[in-house]
Amino acid sequence: MNSHEMDQADIEKLTASVEELLQLCETLMDENARLSKQNRQLLAERNTLNEKNQLSQSKIAGMITRLKTLEVEL
């Protein structure tokens, strides 16, 4: 192999490596976008569940207070 052929082979290897890295970057960016969207959805769901939990706790506290009031009245 002469110097020119060796250089061409090196360039082809480098080109293939760069193309592989670009494909990997694209795959990772897509996955990152998907995971970011999933994270936003899960945070919204968590906030909704926290609100429902707080509402339930408030209702339970109110029921306990009413039961204690009824107990005192009896």
PDB file of N, CA and C in Angstrom:
ATOM      1  N   MET A   1       0.840  -1.187   0.000  1.00  0.00           N
ATOM      2  CA  MET A   1       0.000   0.000   0.000  1.00  0.00           C
ATOM      3  C   MET A   1       0.879   1.242   0.000  1.00  0.00           C
ATOM      4  N   ASN A   2       0.548   2.166  -0.845  1.00  0.00           N
ATOM      5  CA  ASN A   2       1.333   3.397  -0.816  1.00  0.00           C
ATOM      6  C   ASN A   2       0.693   4.399   0.143  1.00  0.00           C
ATOM      7  N   SER A   3       1.349   5.507   0.307  1.00  0.00           N
ATOM      8  CA  SER A   3       0.911   6.527   1.266  1.00  0.00           C
ATOM      9  C   SER A   3      -0.483   7.058   0.933  1.00  0.00           C
ATOM     10  N   HIS A   4      -0.742   7.252  -0.342  1.00  0.00           N
ATOM     11  CA  HIS A   4      -2.045   7.783  -0.754  1.00  0.00           C
ATOM     12  C   HIS A   4      -3.171   6.800  -0.434  1.00  0.00           C
ATOM     13  N   GLU A   5      -2.942   5.504  -0.684  1.00  0.00           N
ATOM     14  CA  GLU A   5      -3.950   4.496  -0.395  1.00  0.00           C
ATOM     15  C   GLU A   5      -4.197   4.387   1.102  1.00  0.00           C
ATOM     16  N   MET A   6      -3.159   4.494   1.884  1.00  0.00           N
ATOM     17  CA  MET A   6      -3.286   4.424   3.331  1.00  0.00           C
ATOM     18  C   MET A   6      -4.072   5.636   3.842  1.00  0.00           C
ATOM     19  N   ASP A   7      -3.779   6.783   3.299  1.00  0.00           N
ATOM     20  CA  ASP A   7      -4.510   7.982   3.704  1.00  0.00           C
ATOM     21  C   ASP A   7      -5.989   7.853   3.362  1.00  0.00           C
ATOM     22  N   GLN A   8      -6.295   7.324   2.186  1.00  0.00           N
ATOM     23  CA  GLN A   8      -7.680   7.154   1.758  1.00  0.00           C
ATOM     24  C   GLN A   8      -8.405   6.180   2.685  1.00  0.00           C
ATOM     25  N   ALA A   9      -7.747   5.100   3.079  1.00  0.00           N
ATOM     26  CA  ALA A   9      -8.342   4.126   3.991  1.00  0.00           C
ATOM     27  C   ALA A   9      -8.601   4.764   5.349  1.00  0.00           C
ATOM     28  N   ASP A  10      -7.652   5.566   5.817  1.00  0.00           N
ATOM     29  CA  ASP A  10      -7.829   6.253   7.095  1.00  0.00           C
ATOM     30  C   ASP A  10      -9.003   7.234   7.033  1.00  0.00           C
ATOM     31  N   ILE A  11      -9.111   7.925   5.914  1.00  0.00           N
ATOM     32  CA  ILE A  11     -10.206   8.892   5.747  1.00  0.00           C
ATOM     33  C   ILE A  11     -11.547   8.158   5.740  1.00  0.00           C
ATOM     34  N   GLU A  12     -11.604   7.030   5.075  1.00  0.00           N
ATOM     35  CA  GLU A  12     -12.846   6.257   5.031  1.00  0.00           C
ATOM     36  C   GLU A  12     -13.229   5.738   6.417  1.00  0.00           C
ATOM     37  N   LYS A  13     -12.234   5.275   7.162  1.00  0.00           N
ATOM     38  CA  LYS A  13     -12.504   4.819   8.536  1.00  0.00           C
ATOM     39  C   LYS A  13     -13.004   5.980   9.390  1.00  0.00           C
ATOM     40  N   LEU A  14     -12.344   7.114   9.265  1.00  0.00           N
ATOM     41  CA  LEU A  14     -12.736   8.293  10.038  1.00  0.00           C
ATOM     42  C   LEU A  14     -14.141   8.743   9.656  1.00  0.00           C
ATOM     43  N   THR A  15     -14.433   8.730   8.364  1.00  0.00           N
ATOM     44  CA  THR A  15     -15.769   9.108   7.888  1.00  0.00           C
ATOM     45  C   THR A  15     -16.827   8.176   8.465  1.00  0.00           C
ATOM     46  N   ALA A  16     -16.548   6.888   8.454  1.00  0.00           N
ATOM     47  CA  ALA A  16     -17.498   5.916   9.010  1.00  0.00           C
ATOM     48  C   ALA A  16     -17.694   6.155  10.505  1.00  0.00           C
ATOM     49  N   SER A  17     -16.606   6.450  11.205  1.00  0.00           N
ATOM     50  CA  SER A  17     -16.707   6.710  12.646  1.00  0.00           C
ATOM     51  C   SER A  17     -17.531   7.958  12.931  1.00  0.00           C
ATOM     52  N   VAL A  18     -17.303   8.998  12.150  1.00  0.00           N
ATOM     53  CA  VAL A  18     -18.053  10.249  12.332  1.00  0.00           C
ATOM     54  C   VAL A  18     -19.531  10.020  12.051  1.00  0.00           C
ATOM     55  N   GLU A  19     -19.846   9.283  10.991  1.00  0.00           N
ATOM     56  CA  GLU A  19     -21.245   8.995  10.671  1.00  0.00           C
ATOM     57  C   GLU A  19     -21.900   8.181  11.785  1.00  0.00           C
ATOM     58  N   GLU A  20     -21.144   7.237  12.337  1.00  0.00           N
ATOM     59  CA  GLU A  20     -21.672   6.439  13.447  1.00  0.00           C
ATOM     60  C   GLU A  20     -21.931   7.320  14.675  1.00  0.00           C
ATOM     61  N   LEU A  21     -21.008   8.229  14.943  1.00  0.00           N
ATOM     62  CA  LEU A  21     -21.191   9.149  16.080  1.00  0.00           C
ATOM     63  C   LEU A  21     -22.379  10.079  15.856  1.00  0.00           C
ATOM     64  N   LEU A  22     -22.558  10.550  14.633  1.00  0.00           N
ATOM     65  CA  LEU A  22     -23.705  11.410  14.337  1.00  0.00           C
ATOM     66  C   LEU A  22     -25.016  10.661  14.537  1.00  0.00           C
ATOM     67  N   GLN A  23     -25.062   9.411  14.114  1.00  0.00           N
ATOM     68  CA  GLN A  23     -26.264   8.597  14.306  1.00  0.00           C
ATOM     69  C   GLN A  23     -26.532   8.385  15.793  1.00  0.00           C
ATOM     70  N   LEU A  24     -25.467   8.117  16.550  1.00  0.00           N
ATOM     71  CA  LEU A  24     -25.613   7.933  17.992  1.00  0.00           C
ATOM     72  C   LEU A  24     -26.115   9.214  18.656  1.00  0.00           C
ATOM     73  N   CYS A  25     -25.570  10.348  18.232  1.00  0.00           N
ATOM     74  CA  CYS A  25     -26.026  11.637  18.786  1.00  0.00           C
ATOM     75  C   CYS A  25     -27.508  11.862  18.494  1.00  0.00           C
ATOM     76  N   GLU A  26     -27.922  11.547  17.293  1.00  0.00           N
ATOM     77  CA  GLU A  26     -29.335  11.713  16.926  1.00  0.00           C
ATOM     78  C   GLU A  26     -30.218  10.796  17.774  1.00  0.00           C
ATOM     79  N   THR A  27     -29.777   9.568  17.943  1.00  0.00           N
ATOM     80  CA  THR A  27     -30.529   8.620  18.771  1.00  0.00           C
ATOM     81  C   THR A  27     -30.629   9.121  20.201  1.00  0.00           C
ATOM     82  N   LEU A  28     -29.522   9.613  20.736  1.00  0.00           N
ATOM     83  CA  LEU A  28     -29.514  10.108  22.119  1.00  0.00           C
ATOM     84  C   LEU A  28     -30.366  11.360  22.269  1.00  0.00           C
ATOM     85  N   MET A  29     -30.351  12.235  21.268  1.00  0.00           N
ATOM     86  CA  MET A  29     -31.191  13.438  21.338  1.00  0.00           C
ATOM     87  C   MET A  29     -32.667  13.058  21.311  1.00  0.00           C
ATOM     88  N   ASP A  30     -33.024  12.080  20.474  1.00  0.00           N
ATOM     89  CA  ASP A  30     -34.418  11.619  20.433  1.00  0.00           C
ATOM     90  C   ASP A  30     -34.823  11.016  21.779  1.00  0.00           C
ATOM     91  N   GLU A  31     -33.946  10.192  22.332  1.00  0.00           N
ATOM     92  CA  GLU A  31     -34.246   9.566  23.620  1.00  0.00           C
ATOM     93  C   GLU A  31     -34.350  10.623  24.717  1.00  0.00           C
ATOM     94  N   ASN A  32     -33.470  11.608  24.673  1.00  0.00           N
ATOM     95  CA  ASN A  32     -33.506  12.680  25.668  1.00  0.00           C
ATOM     96  C   ASN A  32     -34.818  13.450  25.585  1.00  0.00           C
ATOM     97  N   ALA A  33     -35.260  13.740  24.364  1.00  0.00           N
ATOM     98  CA  ALA A  33     -36.531  14.458  24.182  1.00  0.00           C
ATOM     99  C   ALA A  33     -37.690  13.621  24.717  1.00  0.00           C
ATOM    100  N   ARG A  34     -37.663  12.325  24.427  1.00  0.00           N
ATOM    101  CA  ARG A  34     -38.727  11.436  24.900  1.00  0.00           C
ATOM    102  C   ARG A  34     -38.734  11.369  26.423  1.00  0.00           C
ATOM    103  N   LEU A  35     -37.550  11.265  27.021  1.00  0.00           N
ATOM    104  CA  LEU A  35     -37.476  11.178  28.480  1.00  0.00           C
ATOM    105  C   LEU A  35     -37.869  12.500  29.140  1.00  0.00           C
ATOM    106  N   SER A  36     -37.523  13.611  28.507  1.00  0.00           N
ATOM    107  CA  SER A  36     -37.921  14.918  29.046  1.00  0.00           C
ATOM    108  C   SER A  36     -39.440  15.063  29.032  1.00  0.00           C
ATOM    109  N   LYS A  37     -40.053  14.634  27.941  1.00  0.00           N
ATOM    110  CA  LYS A  37     -41.524  14.689  27.849  1.00  0.00           C
ATOM    111  C   LYS A  37     -42.145  13.792  28.910  1.00  0.00           C
ATOM    112  N   GLN A  38     -41.610  12.587  29.057  1.00  0.00           N
ATOM    113  CA  GLN A  38     -42.123  11.651  30.064  1.00  0.00           C
ATOM    114  C   GLN A  38     -41.956  12.239  31.464  1.00  0.00           C
ATOM    115  N   ASN A  39     -40.828  12.901  31.709  1.00  0.00           N
ATOM    116  CA  ASN A  39     -40.577  13.506  33.016  1.00  0.00           C
ATOM    117  C   ASN A  39     -41.599  14.609  33.298  1.00  0.00           C
ATOM    118  N   ARG A  40     -41.876  15.441  32.287  1.00  0.00           N
ATOM    119  CA  ARG A  40     -42.880  16.504  32.476  1.00  0.00           C
ATOM    120  C   ARG A  40     -44.248  15.908  32.779  1.00  0.00           C
ATOM    121  N   GLN A  41     -44.597  14.835  32.077  1.00  0.00           N
ATOM    122  CA  GLN A  41     -45.892  14.193  32.312  1.00  0.00           C
ATOM    123  C   GLN A  41     -45.969  13.605  33.716  1.00  0.00           C
ATOM    124  N   LEU A  42     -44.886  12.978  34.149  1.00  0.00           N
ATOM    125  CA  LEU A  42     -44.877  12.381  35.484  1.00  0.00           C
ATOM    126  C   LEU A  42     -44.936  13.454  36.577  1.00  0.00           C
ATOM    127  N   LEU A  43     -44.262  14.575  36.351  1.00  0.00           N
ATOM    128  CA  LEU A  43     -44.331  15.668  37.323  1.00  0.00           C
ATOM    129  C   LEU A  43     -45.744  16.230  37.418  1.00  0.00           C
ATOM    130  N   ALA A  44     -46.404  16.370  36.274  1.00  0.00           N
ATOM    131  CA  ALA A  44     -47.785  16.864  36.275  1.00  0.00           C
ATOM    132  C   ALA A  44     -48.695  15.875  36.996  1.00  0.00           C
ATOM    133  N   GLU A  45     -48.487  14.585  36.739  1.00  0.00           N
ATOM    134  CA  GLU A  45     -49.294  13.559  37.411  1.00  0.00           C
ATOM    135  C   GLU A  45     -49.039  13.571  38.916  1.00  0.00           C
ATOM    136  N   ARG A  46     -47.781  13.740  39.288  1.00  0.00           N
ATOM    137  CA  ARG A  46     -47.450  13.795  40.721  1.00  0.00           C
ATOM    138  C   ARG A  46     -48.126  14.992  41.384  1.00  0.00           C
ATOM    139  N   ASN A  47     -48.106  16.137  40.712  1.00  0.00           N
ATOM    140  CA  ASN A  47     -48.752  17.326  41.268  1.00  0.00           C
ATOM    141  C   ASN A  47     -50.257  17.108  41.436  1.00  0.00           C
ATOM    142  N   THR A  48     -50.872  16.483  40.447  1.00  0.00           N
ATOM    143  CA  THR A  48     -52.304  16.188  40.526  1.00  0.00           C
ATOM    144  C   THR A  48     -52.588  15.256  41.699  1.00  0.00           C
ATOM    145  N   LEU A  49     -51.773  14.216  41.839  1.00  0.00           N
ATOM    146  CA  LEU A  49     -51.968  13.261  42.941  1.00  0.00           C
ATOM    147  C   LEU A  49     -51.739  13.928  44.300  1.00  0.00           C
ATOM    148  N   ASN A  50     -50.758  14.825  44.377  1.00  0.00           N
ATOM    149  CA  ASN A  50     -50.526  15.551  45.634  1.00  0.00           C
ATOM    150  C   ASN A  50     -51.724  16.416  45.999  1.00  0.00           C
ATOM    151  N   GLU A  51     -52.312  17.071  44.999  1.00  0.00           N
ATOM    152  CA  GLU A  51     -53.492  17.899  45.259  1.00  0.00           C
ATOM    153  C   GLU A  51     -54.658  17.044  45.744  1.00  0.00           C
ATOM    154  N   LYS A  52     -54.852  15.900  45.084  1.00  0.00           N
ATOM    155  CA  LYS A  52     -55.926  14.996  45.514  1.00  0.00           C
ATOM    156  C   LYS A  52     -55.664  14.473  46.922  1.00  0.00           C
ATOM    157  N   ASN A  53     -54.419  14.180  47.224  1.00  0.00           N
ATOM    158  CA  ASN A  53     -54.053  13.694  48.552  1.00  0.00           C
ATOM    159  C   ASN A  53     -54.336  14.762  49.621  1.00  0.00           C
ATOM    160  N   GLN A  54     -53.960  15.997  49.325  1.00  0.00           N
ATOM    161  CA  GLN A  54     -54.221  17.078  50.276  1.00  0.00           C
ATOM    162  C   GLN A  54     -55.720  17.284  50.483  1.00  0.00           C
ATOM    163  N   LEU A  55     -56.483  17.201  49.406  1.00  0.00           N
ATOM    164  CA  LEU A  55     -57.935  17.342  49.516  1.00  0.00           C
ATOM    165  C   LEU A  55     -58.514  16.213  50.367  1.00  0.00           C
ATOM    166  N   SER A  56     -58.035  14.996  50.147  1.00  0.00           N
ATOM    167  CA  SER A  56     -58.506  13.846  50.936  1.00  0.00           C
ATOM    168  C   SER A  56     -58.151  14.015  52.407  1.00  0.00           C
ATOM    169  N   GLN A  57     -56.943  14.457  52.681  1.00  0.00           N
ATOM    170  CA  GLN A  57     -56.529  14.669  54.075  1.00  0.00           C
ATOM    171  C   GLN A  57     -57.397  15.727  54.745  1.00  0.00           C
ATOM    172  N   SER A  58     -57.710  16.765  53.997  1.00  0.00           N
ATOM    173  CA  SER A  58     -58.562  17.829  54.537  1.00  0.00           C
ATOM    174  C   SER A  58     -59.964  17.305  54.840  1.00  0.00           C
ATOM    175  N   LYS A  59     -60.501  16.505  53.927  1.00  0.00           N
ATOM    176  CA  LYS A  59     -61.831  15.939  54.143  1.00  0.00           C
ATOM    177  C   LYS A  59     -61.833  14.993  55.350  1.00  0.00           C
ATOM    178  N   ILE A  60     -60.804  14.189  55.473  1.00  0.00           N
ATOM    179  CA  ILE A  60     -60.707  13.257  56.601  1.00  0.00           C
ATOM    180  C   ILE A  60     -60.595  14.028  57.908  1.00  0.00           C
ATOM    181  N   ALA A  61     -59.794  15.083  57.921  1.00  0.00           N
ATOM    182  CA  ALA A  61     -59.663  15.897  59.132  1.00  0.00           C
ATOM    183  C   ALA A  61     -61.013  16.511  59.501  1.00  0.00           C
ATOM    184  N   GLY A  62     -61.763  16.959  58.508  1.00  0.00           N
ATOM    185  CA  GLY A  62     -63.091  17.516  58.766  1.00  0.00           C
ATOM    186  C   GLY A  62     -64.036  16.472  59.325  1.00  0.00           C
ATOM    187  N   MET A  63     -63.981  15.262  58.791  1.00  0.00           N
ATOM    188  CA  MET A  63     -64.839  14.180  59.306  1.00  0.00           C
ATOM    189  C   MET A  63     -64.477  13.840  60.747  1.00  0.00           C
ATOM    190  N   ILE A  64     -63.188  13.799  61.034  1.00  0.00           N
ATOM    191  CA  ILE A  64     -62.757  13.490  62.407  1.00  0.00           C
ATOM    192  C   ILE A  64     -63.258  14.557  63.358  1.00  0.00           C
ATOM    193  N   THR A  65     -63.167  15.814  62.943  1.00  0.00           N
ATOM    194  CA  THR A  65     -63.649  16.912  63.783  1.00  0.00           C
ATOM    195  C   THR A  65     -65.150  16.784  64.020  1.00  0.00           C
ATOM    196  N   ARG A  66     -65.899  16.480  62.969  1.00  0.00           N
ATOM    197  CA  ARG A  66     -67.353  16.317  63.132  1.00  0.00           C
ATOM    198  C   ARG A  66     -67.685  15.133  64.030  1.00  0.00           C
ATOM    199  N   LEU A  67     -66.930  14.041  63.883  1.00  0.00           N
ATOM    200  CA  LEU A  67     -67.161  12.876  64.748  1.00  0.00           C
ATOM    201  C   LEU A  67     -66.868  13.212  66.200  1.00  0.00           C
ATOM    202  N   LYS A  68     -65.811  13.946  66.460  1.00  0.00           N
ATOM    203  CA  LYS A  68     -65.483  14.338  67.824  1.00  0.00           C
ATOM    204  C   LYS A  68     -66.570  15.257  68.389  1.00  0.00           C
ATOM    205  N   THR A  69     -67.100  16.123  67.544  1.00  0.00           N
ATOM    206  CA  THR A  69     -68.182  17.017  67.977  1.00  0.00           C
ATOM    207  C   THR A  69     -69.420  16.206  68.321  1.00  0.00           C
ATOM    208  N   LEU A  70     -69.749  15.227  67.485  1.00  0.00           N
ATOM    209  CA  LEU A  70     -70.888  14.359  67.759  1.00  0.00           C
ATOM    210  C   LEU A  70     -70.673  13.564  69.044  1.00  0.00           C
ATOM    211  N   GLU A  71     -69.460  13.115  69.253  1.00  0.00           N
ATOM    212  CA  GLU A  71     -69.133  12.343  70.454  1.00  0.00           C
ATOM    213  C   GLU A  71     -69.343  13.182  71.716  1.00  0.00           C
ATOM    214  N   VAL A  72     -68.943  14.426  71.641  1.00  0.00           N
ATOM    215  CA  VAL A  72     -69.093  15.320  72.785  1.00  0.00           C
ATOM    216  C   VAL A  72     -70.570  15.598  73.047  1.00  0.00           C
ATOM    217  N   GLU A  73     -71.354  15.742  71.995  1.00  0.00           N
ATOM    218  CA  GLU A  73     -72.771  16.040  72.128  1.00  0.00           C
ATOM    219  C   GLU A  73     -73.544  14.854  72.718  1.00  0.00           C
ATOM    220  N   LEU A  74     -73.053  13.634  72.533  1.00  0.00           N
ATOM    221  CA  LEU A  74     -73.747  12.470  73.032  1.00  0.00           C
ATOM    222  C   LEU A  74     -73.355  12.300  74.461  1.00  0.00           C
TER     223      LEU A  74
END
